[in-house]
Amino acid sequence: MQSPATFPLFYLPPVGYFSALNAHDFNFIIERFEHFPKQTYRNRAKIASPNGSLDLYVPVVKGSKVHTVYKDVKISYDFKWQRLHWLSLQTSYRNSAYFEYYEDELSRFYTQKFDFLFDYNLEIFEWILQKLKKPAELSFTEEYIKNIGAELDYRDRLSFKNPSQVHPAKPYFQVFEDRTGFIENLSVVDLLFSQGPQAKLFF
């Protein structure tokens, strides 16, 4: 059997993340032990807004100068970011075809508090996989291995600052496409809210 690809765990991952998973037939392992890198999809996401893409940011507790392992990074609740994110999602997608279809289940991620970012992202990821009808038995790294081969290493291949379509998804209708044009590689919830159960066909 082919070796699994190693993926980071993102917050509301971009469409390209799932396209890459699909290219490996969802044969993957999730990295737990990397040092937490700043300014990445691990605690950021991009959604659509009337003015173009909108960045959502999950604040984390500032640690010591020693690098923190991702699985040990704690979420900060110094300001009400959950309320802000949920209001942004509602404002952006209230008029999309399927927002109400997912709203009740998704809303719990913006009322329930999680201590660790990894645990929070994992529960959202499992929910998304379920909605995409992409069930997977999730496996996790037991240690950090630096060199695992470029073809199987996705830990640094989806950059938040320079989004790249590792495995492009098909274009689909977006809520504000008439104003902004099609925006590639938004969060997969953008695809879900637009296409609903058919979202799984776009990878």
C-alpha atoms as a PDB file:
ATOM      1  CA  MET A   1       0.000   0.000   0.000  1.00  0.00           C
ATOM      2  CA  GLN A   2       1.224   3.484  -0.828  1.00  0.00           C
ATOM      3  CA  SER A   3       2.652   5.508   2.050  1.00  0.00           C
ATOM      4  CA  PRO A   4       0.265   8.149   3.426  1.00  0.00           C
ATOM      5  CA  ALA A   5       0.836  11.833   2.723  1.00  0.00           C
ATOM      6  CA  THR A   6       1.446  14.064   5.751  1.00  0.00           C
ATOM      7  CA  PHE A   7      -0.894  17.029   6.126  1.00  0.00           C
ATOM      8  CA  PRO A   8      -1.097  19.852   8.655  1.00  0.00           C
ATOM      9  CA  LEU A   9      -4.399  20.498  10.411  1.00  0.00           C
ATOM     10  CA  PHE A  10      -6.018  23.768   9.353  1.00  0.00           C
ATOM     11  CA  TYR A  11      -8.861  25.944  10.622  1.00  0.00           C
ATOM     12  CA  LEU A  12     -11.742  25.813   8.084  1.00  0.00           C
ATOM     13  CA  PRO A  13      -9.273  24.491   5.480  1.00  0.00           C
ATOM     14  CA  PRO A  14      -9.173  25.896   1.937  1.00  0.00           C
ATOM     15  CA  VAL A  15     -10.662  24.038  -1.008  1.00  0.00           C
ATOM     16  CA  GLY A  16      -7.175  23.215  -2.302  1.00  0.00           C
ATOM     17  CA  TYR A  17      -6.475  21.252   0.887  1.00  0.00           C
ATOM     18  CA  PHE A  18      -9.288  18.828   0.104  1.00  0.00           C
ATOM     19  CA  SER A  19      -8.286  18.633  -3.538  1.00  0.00           C
ATOM     20  CA  ALA A  20      -4.832  17.548  -2.366  1.00  0.00           C
ATOM     21  CA  LEU A  21      -6.336  14.981   0.014  1.00  0.00           C
ATOM     22  CA  ASN A  22      -8.447  13.652  -2.842  1.00  0.00           C
ATOM     23  CA  ALA A  23      -5.364  13.330  -5.053  1.00  0.00           C
ATOM     24  CA  HIS A  24      -4.021  10.905  -2.432  1.00  0.00           C
ATOM     25  CA  ASP A  25      -7.370   9.080  -2.171  1.00  0.00           C
ATOM     26  CA  PHE A  26      -7.649  10.437   1.382  1.00  0.00           C
ATOM     27  CA  ASN A  27      -4.705   8.271   2.414  1.00  0.00           C
ATOM     28  CA  PHE A  28      -3.065  10.712   4.817  1.00  0.00           C
ATOM     29  CA  ILE A  29      -1.695  11.267   8.300  1.00  0.00           C
ATOM     30  CA  ILE A  30      -2.087  14.455  10.346  1.00  0.00           C
ATOM     31  CA  GLU A  31       0.985  16.219  11.738  1.00  0.00           C
ATOM     32  CA  ARG A  32       0.750  16.839  15.497  1.00  0.00           C
ATOM     33  CA  PHE A  33       4.330  17.476  16.567  1.00  0.00           C
ATOM     34  CA  GLU A  34       5.544  20.279  14.318  1.00  0.00           C
ATOM     35  CA  HIS A  35       6.512  23.555  15.961  1.00  0.00           C
ATOM     36  CA  PHE A  36       3.545  25.871  15.521  1.00  0.00           C
ATOM     37  CA  PRO A  37       4.266  28.208  12.587  1.00  0.00           C
ATOM     38  CA  LYS A  38       2.783  31.697  12.656  1.00  0.00           C
ATOM     39  CA  GLN A  39       0.557  33.250  10.001  1.00  0.00           C
ATOM     40  CA  THR A  40      -0.667  30.049   8.367  1.00  0.00           C
ATOM     41  CA  TYR A  41      -3.981  28.336   7.714  1.00  0.00           C
ATOM     42  CA  ARG A  42      -3.534  26.522  11.038  1.00  0.00           C
ATOM     43  CA  ASN A  43      -5.310  29.404  12.741  1.00  0.00           C
ATOM     44  CA  ARG A  44      -6.532  31.443   9.763  1.00  0.00           C
ATOM     45  CA  ALA A  45      -9.127  31.039   7.042  1.00  0.00           C
ATOM     46  CA  LYS A  46     -10.397  32.986   4.036  1.00  0.00           C
ATOM     47  CA  ILE A  47     -14.078  33.391   3.261  1.00  0.00           C
ATOM     48  CA  ALA A  48     -16.011  35.460   0.719  1.00  0.00           C
ATOM     49  CA  SER A  49     -17.381  38.903   1.503  1.00  0.00           C
ATOM     50  CA  PRO A  50     -19.008  41.614  -0.640  1.00  0.00           C
ATOM     51  CA  ASN A  51     -15.576  43.311  -0.842  1.00  0.00           C
ATOM     52  CA  GLY A  52     -13.537  40.231  -1.721  1.00  0.00           C
ATOM     53  CA  SER A  53     -11.871  37.656   0.486  1.00  0.00           C
ATOM     54  CA  LEU A  54     -12.093  38.162   4.243  1.00  0.00           C
ATOM     55  CA  ASP A  55      -9.523  36.732   6.644  1.00  0.00           C
ATOM     56  CA  LEU A  56     -10.636  35.074   9.883  1.00  0.00           C
ATOM     57  CA  TYR A  57      -8.040  34.648  12.622  1.00  0.00           C
ATOM     58  CA  VAL A  58      -8.132  32.412  15.710  1.00  0.00           C
ATOM     59  CA  PRO A  59      -5.940  34.034  18.389  1.00  0.00           C
ATOM     60  CA  VAL A  60      -3.612  31.814  20.369  1.00  0.00           C
ATOM     61  CA  VAL A  61      -2.108  32.217  23.809  1.00  0.00           C
ATOM     62  CA  LYS A  62       1.364  33.683  23.635  1.00  0.00           C
ATOM     63  CA  GLY A  63       3.886  31.115  24.793  1.00  0.00           C
ATOM     64  CA  SER A  64       7.451  31.307  25.946  1.00  0.00           C
ATOM     65  CA  LYS A  65      10.354  31.923  23.613  1.00  0.00           C
ATOM     66  CA  VAL A  66      10.709  28.186  23.189  1.00  0.00           C
ATOM     67  CA  HIS A  67       8.794  26.934  20.140  1.00  0.00           C
ATOM     68  CA  THR A  68       5.470  25.366  21.057  1.00  0.00           C
ATOM     69  CA  VAL A  69       4.426  22.032  19.601  1.00  0.00           C
ATOM     70  CA  TYR A  70       1.217  22.472  17.607  1.00  0.00           C
ATOM     71  CA  LYS A  71      -0.823  20.021  19.693  1.00  0.00           C
ATOM     72  CA  ASP A  72      -0.018  22.093  22.801  1.00  0.00           C
ATOM     73  CA  VAL A  73      -1.012  25.516  21.412  1.00  0.00           C
ATOM     74  CA  LYS A  74      -3.863  27.037  23.403  1.00  0.00           C
ATOM     75  CA  ILE A  75      -6.615  29.257  22.055  1.00  0.00           C
ATOM     76  CA  SER A  76      -6.927  32.760  23.497  1.00  0.00           C
ATOM     77  CA  TYR A  77     -10.324  34.139  24.454  1.00  0.00           C
ATOM     78  CA  ASP A  78      -9.100  37.621  25.376  1.00  0.00           C
ATOM     79  CA  PHE A  79     -11.599  39.003  22.863  1.00  0.00           C
ATOM     80  CA  LYS A  80     -14.813  37.545  21.469  1.00  0.00           C
ATOM     81  CA  TRP A  81     -13.398  36.182  18.230  1.00  0.00           C
ATOM     82  CA  GLN A  82     -15.966  33.353  18.076  1.00  0.00           C
ATOM     83  CA  ARG A  83     -18.803  35.858  17.949  1.00  0.00           C
ATOM     84  CA  LEU A  84     -16.949  37.873  15.315  1.00  0.00           C
ATOM     85  CA  HIS A  85     -16.299  34.807  13.133  1.00  0.00           C
ATOM     86  CA  TRP A  86     -19.885  33.620  13.390  1.00  0.00           C
ATOM     87  CA  LEU A  87     -21.266  37.065  12.540  1.00  0.00           C
ATOM     88  CA  SER A  88     -18.893  37.194   9.544  1.00  0.00           C
ATOM     89  CA  LEU A  89     -20.065  33.784   8.334  1.00  0.00           C
ATOM     90  CA  GLN A  90     -23.713  34.749   8.771  1.00  0.00           C
ATOM     91  CA  THR A  91     -23.289  38.093   7.021  1.00  0.00           C
ATOM     92  CA  SER A  92     -21.360  36.584   4.119  1.00  0.00           C
ATOM     93  CA  TYR A  93     -23.404  33.442   3.554  1.00  0.00           C
ATOM     94  CA  ARG A  94     -26.928  34.087   4.831  1.00  0.00           C
ATOM     95  CA  ASN A  95     -28.155  34.307   1.230  1.00  0.00           C
ATOM     96  CA  SER A  96     -26.220  31.289  -0.048  1.00  0.00           C
ATOM     97  CA  ALA A  97     -28.175  28.229  -1.137  1.00  0.00           C
ATOM     98  CA  TYR A  98     -27.142  25.929   1.733  1.00  0.00           C
ATOM     99  CA  PHE A  99     -26.063  28.057   4.702  1.00  0.00           C
ATOM    100  CA  GLU A 100     -29.250  27.273   6.640  1.00  0.00           C
ATOM    101  CA  TYR A 101     -28.743  23.591   5.864  1.00  0.00           C
ATOM    102  CA  TYR A 102     -25.485  23.567   7.894  1.00  0.00           C
ATOM    103  CA  GLU A 103     -26.037  26.493  10.253  1.00  0.00           C
ATOM    104  CA  ASP A 104     -27.279  24.688  13.360  1.00  0.00           C
ATOM    105  CA  GLU A 105     -24.462  22.137  13.406  1.00  0.00           C
ATOM    106  CA  LEU A 106     -21.712  24.594  12.545  1.00  0.00           C
ATOM    107  CA  SER A 107     -22.798  27.170  15.115  1.00  0.00           C
ATOM    108  CA  ARG A 108     -21.618  25.030  18.042  1.00  0.00           C
ATOM    109  CA  PHE A 109     -18.007  25.682  17.032  1.00  0.00           C
ATOM    110  CA  TYR A 110     -18.672  29.352  17.779  1.00  0.00           C
ATOM    111  CA  THR A 111     -20.323  28.881  21.177  1.00  0.00           C
ATOM    112  CA  GLN A 112     -18.385  25.958  22.680  1.00  0.00           C
ATOM    113  CA  LYS A 113     -14.950  26.789  24.024  1.00  0.00           C
ATOM    114  CA  PHE A 114     -11.965  24.564  23.262  1.00  0.00           C
ATOM    115  CA  ASP A 115      -8.684  24.758  25.167  1.00  0.00           C
ATOM    116  CA  PHE A 116      -6.372  23.647  22.368  1.00  0.00           C
ATOM    117  CA  LEU A 117      -6.279  24.822  18.761  1.00  0.00           C
ATOM    118  CA  PHE A 118      -5.461  21.336  17.475  1.00  0.00           C
ATOM    119  CA  ASP A 119      -8.541  19.846  19.156  1.00  0.00           C
ATOM    120  CA  TYR A 120     -10.745  22.647  17.855  1.00  0.00           C
ATOM    121  CA  ASN A 121      -9.490  22.290  14.287  1.00  0.00           C
ATOM    122  CA  LEU A 122      -9.794  18.523  14.481  1.00  0.00           C
ATOM    123  CA  GLU A 123     -13.471  18.589  15.443  1.00  0.00           C
ATOM    124  CA  ILE A 124     -14.256  21.051  12.655  1.00  0.00           C
ATOM    125  CA  PHE A 125     -12.268  18.927  10.198  1.00  0.00           C
ATOM    126  CA  GLU A 126     -14.149  15.770  11.176  1.00  0.00           C
ATOM    127  CA  TRP A 127     -17.437  17.626  10.703  1.00  0.00           C
ATOM    128  CA  ILE A 128     -16.393  18.835   7.243  1.00  0.00           C
ATOM    129  CA  LEU A 129     -15.305  15.343   6.177  1.00  0.00           C
ATOM    130  CA  GLN A 130     -18.700  14.052   7.258  1.00  0.00           C
ATOM    131  CA  LYS A 131     -20.516  16.709   5.219  1.00  0.00           C
ATOM    132  CA  LEU A 132     -18.349  15.999   2.170  1.00  0.00           C
ATOM    133  CA  LYS A 133     -19.154  12.292   2.516  1.00  0.00           C
ATOM    134  CA  LYS A 134     -15.400  11.644   2.770  1.00  0.00           C
ATOM    135  CA  PRO A 135     -15.178   9.409   5.814  1.00  0.00           C
ATOM    136  CA  ALA A 136     -11.623   8.734   6.869  1.00  0.00           C
ATOM    137  CA  GLU A 137      -9.997   6.887   9.754  1.00  0.00           C
ATOM    138  CA  LEU A 138      -7.734   9.621  10.999  1.00  0.00           C
ATOM    139  CA  SER A 139      -4.146   8.838  11.911  1.00  0.00           C
ATOM    140  CA  PHE A 140      -1.650  11.129  13.595  1.00  0.00           C
ATOM    141  CA  THR A 141       2.111  11.452  13.743  1.00  0.00           C
ATOM    142  CA  GLU A 142       3.849  10.176  16.880  1.00  0.00           C
ATOM    143  CA  GLU A 143       6.907  12.382  16.447  1.00  0.00           C
ATOM    144  CA  TYR A 144       8.210  15.082  14.128  1.00  0.00           C
ATOM    145  CA  ILE A 145      10.098  13.725  11.135  1.00  0.00           C
ATOM    146  CA  LYS A 146      11.736  16.463   9.093  1.00  0.00           C
ATOM    147  CA  ASN A 147      12.374  14.633   5.835  1.00  0.00           C
ATOM    148  CA  ILE A 148       9.484  12.540   4.559  1.00  0.00           C
ATOM    149  CA  GLY A 149       9.793  13.141   0.813  1.00  0.00           C
ATOM    150  CA  ALA A 150       8.486  16.164  -1.083  1.00  0.00           C
ATOM    151  CA  GLU A 151       5.655  14.298  -2.808  1.00  0.00           C
ATOM    152  CA  LEU A 152       4.147  13.246   0.521  1.00  0.00           C
ATOM    153  CA  ASP A 153       4.871  16.380   2.573  1.00  0.00           C
ATOM    154  CA  TYR A 154       2.094  18.986   2.560  1.00  0.00           C
ATOM    155  CA  ARG A 155       3.051  20.732   5.781  1.00  0.00           C
ATOM    156  CA  ASP A 156       4.349  23.831   3.992  1.00  0.00           C
ATOM    157  CA  ARG A 157       2.711  23.563   0.587  1.00  0.00           C
ATOM    158  CA  LEU A 158      -0.449  25.578   1.159  1.00  0.00           C
ATOM    159  CA  SER A 159       0.658  29.060   2.093  1.00  0.00           C
ATOM    160  CA  PHE A 160      -1.775  31.579   3.587  1.00  0.00           C
ATOM    161  CA  LYS A 161       0.218  34.560   2.325  1.00  0.00           C
ATOM    162  CA  ASN A 162       0.620  33.104  -1.177  1.00  0.00           C
ATOM    163  CA  PRO A 163      -2.321  30.762  -1.737  1.00  0.00           C
ATOM    164  CA  SER A 164      -1.547  28.052  -4.245  1.00  0.00           C
ATOM    165  CA  GLN A 165      -3.795  25.517  -5.838  1.00  0.00           C
ATOM    166  CA  VAL A 166      -1.804  22.346  -5.292  1.00  0.00           C
ATOM    167  CA  HIS A 167      -4.613  20.386  -6.909  1.00  0.00           C
ATOM    168  CA  PRO A 168      -7.127  22.916  -8.281  1.00  0.00           C
ATOM    169  CA  ALA A 169     -10.806  22.340  -7.729  1.00  0.00           C
ATOM    170  CA  LYS A 170     -13.398  23.020 -10.400  1.00  0.00           C
ATOM    171  CA  PRO A 171     -14.883  26.522 -10.379  1.00  0.00           C
ATOM    172  CA  TYR A 172     -18.262  26.816  -8.702  1.00  0.00           C
ATOM    173  CA  PHE A 173     -20.799  29.582  -8.129  1.00  0.00           C
ATOM    174  CA  GLN A 174     -19.869  31.979  -5.314  1.00  0.00           C
ATOM    175  CA  VAL A 175     -22.227  34.341  -3.499  1.00  0.00           C
ATOM    176  CA  PHE A 176     -20.493  37.571  -4.522  1.00  0.00           C
ATOM    177  CA  GLU A 177     -19.010  36.368  -7.802  1.00  0.00           C
ATOM    178  CA  ASP A 178     -20.855  39.064  -9.748  1.00  0.00           C
ATOM    179  CA  ARG A 179     -18.980  41.719  -7.722  1.00  0.00           C
ATOM    180  CA  THR A 180     -15.596  40.161  -7.049  1.00  0.00           C
ATOM    181  CA  GLY A 181     -15.198  37.497  -9.721  1.00  0.00           C
ATOM    182  CA  PHE A 182     -14.370  33.931  -8.774  1.00  0.00           C
ATOM    183  CA  ILE A 183     -11.917  33.758  -5.840  1.00  0.00           C
ATOM    184  CA  GLU A 184      -9.819  30.604  -5.740  1.00  0.00           C
ATOM    185  CA  ASN A 185      -8.991  28.589  -2.649  1.00  0.00           C
ATOM    186  CA  LEU A 186     -11.398  30.061  -0.152  1.00  0.00           C
ATOM    187  CA  SER A 187     -12.378  27.958   2.855  1.00  0.00           C
ATOM    188  CA  VAL A 188     -14.194  24.783   1.940  1.00  0.00           C
ATOM    189  CA  VAL A 189     -17.254  26.127   3.791  1.00  0.00           C
ATOM    190  CA  ASP A 190     -17.629  28.569   0.896  1.00  0.00           C
ATOM    191  CA  LEU A 191     -18.050  25.544  -1.380  1.00  0.00           C
ATOM    192  CA  LEU A 192     -20.364  23.773   1.078  1.00  0.00           C
ATOM    193  CA  PHE A 193     -22.647  26.784   1.471  1.00  0.00           C
ATOM    194  CA  SER A 194     -22.847  27.143  -2.314  1.00  0.00           C
ATOM    195  CA  GLN A 195     -23.161  23.518  -3.409  1.00  0.00           C
ATOM    196  CA  GLY A 196     -24.388  21.608  -0.381  1.00  0.00           C
ATOM    197  CA  PRO A 197     -24.237  17.807  -0.749  1.00  0.00           C
ATOM    198  CA  GLN A 198     -22.868  18.223  -4.293  1.00  0.00           C
ATOM    199  CA  ALA A 199     -19.679  19.832  -2.936  1.00  0.00           C
ATOM    200  CA  LYS A 200     -17.984  16.428  -2.898  1.00  0.00           C
ATOM    201  CA  LEU A 201     -18.040  16.386  -6.705  1.00  0.00           C
ATOM    202  CA  PHE A 202     -15.840  19.461  -7.074  1.00  0.00           C
ATOM    203  CA  PHE A 203     -12.476  17.923  -6.180  1.00  0.00           C
END
